């Protein structure tokens, strides 16, 4: 049973990562001339946005501070934007 749960969690993160890569690529293509010199920082920011809700929830169990709460809030908003952009670009 636990192997099934680990597999489902892995599948979720695989699909979530692929969706974030797709959104990041589409956004990067839209603003290529502006973002071209900052490619590395752009992908680092996308990765931090994608991972922030999960990391903030894990750290929030042990610590309560403003930075963790704001990271969780930013991550929650990113999840909302992520789902809406996937819906818009999938159509």
Protein backbone atom coordinates (compact mmCIF):
# COMPACT_ATOMS: atom_id res chain seq x y z
CA UNK A 1 0.00 0.00 0.00
CA UNK A 2 2.75 2.49 0.85
CA UNK A 3 4.51 1.74 -2.43
CA UNK A 4 1.31 2.69 -4.25
CA UNK A 5 1.11 5.99 -2.36
CA UNK A 6 4.76 6.77 -3.12
CA UNK A 7 4.11 5.99 -6.78
CA UNK A 8 1.05 8.25 -6.91
CA UNK A 9 2.92 11.09 -5.21
CA UNK A 10 5.77 10.63 -7.68
CA UNK A 11 3.32 10.67 -10.58
CA UNK A 12 1.72 13.86 -9.25
CA UNK A 13 5.08 15.62 -9.02
CA UNK A 14 6.03 14.39 -12.49
CA UNK A 15 2.85 15.82 -14.01
CA UNK A 16 3.15 19.00 -11.93
CA UNK A 17 6.77 19.47 -13.01
CA UNK A 18 5.90 18.91 -16.66
CA UNK A 19 3.09 21.46 -16.40
CA UNK A 20 5.40 24.02 -14.82
CA UNK A 21 7.98 23.40 -17.51
CA UNK A 22 5.32 23.88 -20.19
CA UNK A 23 4.08 27.14 -18.66
CA UNK A 24 7.64 28.36 -18.13
CA UNK A 25 8.56 27.58 -21.72
CA UNK A 26 5.49 29.27 -23.16
CA UNK A 27 6.03 32.38 -21.04
CA UNK A 28 9.73 32.43 -21.95
CA UNK A 29 8.88 32.19 -25.65
CA UNK A 30 6.48 35.10 -25.29
CA UNK A 31 9.09 37.37 -23.72
CA UNK A 32 12.26 35.93 -25.25
CA UNK A 33 13.84 39.25 -26.19
CA UNK A 34 13.46 40.59 -22.65
CA UNK A 35 14.33 37.42 -20.73
CA UNK A 36 17.10 36.10 -22.97
CA UNK A 37 20.05 37.46 -20.92
CA UNK A 38 18.46 36.22 -17.68
CA UNK A 39 17.61 32.66 -18.68
CA UNK A 40 19.26 31.02 -15.69
CA UNK A 41 17.58 33.36 -13.19
CA UNK A 42 14.24 32.94 -14.92
CA UNK A 43 14.27 29.15 -14.60
CA UNK A 44 15.47 29.40 -11.01
CA UNK A 45 12.52 31.69 -10.24
CA UNK A 46 10.09 29.29 -11.94
CA UNK A 47 11.51 26.36 -9.95
CA UNK A 48 11.23 28.29 -6.68
CA UNK A 49 7.66 29.29 -7.48
CA UNK A 50 6.77 25.71 -8.31
CA UNK A 51 8.33 24.25 -5.18
CA UNK A 52 7.43 26.99 -2.70
CA UNK A 53 3.99 25.71 -1.61
CA UNK A 54 5.34 22.25 -0.82
CA UNK A 55 8.56 23.35 0.86
CA UNK A 56 6.74 26.02 2.87
CA UNK A 57 4.25 23.44 4.16
CA UNK A 58 7.04 21.08 5.20
CA UNK A 59 9.01 23.81 6.99
CA UNK A 60 5.90 25.41 8.46
CA UNK A 61 5.34 22.36 10.66
CA UNK A 62 8.49 23.17 12.63
CA UNK A 63 8.66 26.96 12.44
CA UNK A 64 6.28 29.91 12.39
CA UNK A 65 7.67 33.08 10.85
CA UNK A 66 6.64 35.70 8.32
CA UNK A 67 8.96 34.48 5.55
CA UNK A 68 7.54 30.96 5.58
CA UNK A 69 3.97 32.27 5.68
CA UNK A 70 4.61 34.61 2.77
CA UNK A 71 6.32 31.82 0.80
CA UNK A 72 3.27 29.63 1.36
CA UNK A 73 0.98 32.44 0.21
CA UNK A 74 3.04 33.09 -2.92
CA UNK A 75 3.05 29.36 -3.61
CA UNK A 76 -0.72 29.16 -3.24
CA UNK A 77 -1.19 32.01 -5.69
CA UNK A 78 1.24 30.33 -8.08
CA UNK A 79 -0.83 27.14 -7.91
CA UNK A 80 -3.94 29.12 -8.84
CA UNK A 81 -2.14 30.84 -11.74
CA UNK A 82 -0.68 27.49 -12.78
CA UNK A 83 -4.07 25.81 -13.05
CA UNK A 84 -5.66 28.72 -14.91
CA UNK A 85 -2.78 28.96 -17.38
CA UNK A 86 -2.92 25.24 -18.06
CA UNK A 87 -6.63 25.54 -18.76
CA UNK A 88 -6.13 28.54 -21.05
CA UNK A 89 -3.20 27.09 -22.98
CA UNK A 90 -4.74 23.65 -23.26
CA UNK A 91 -7.72 25.05 -25.16
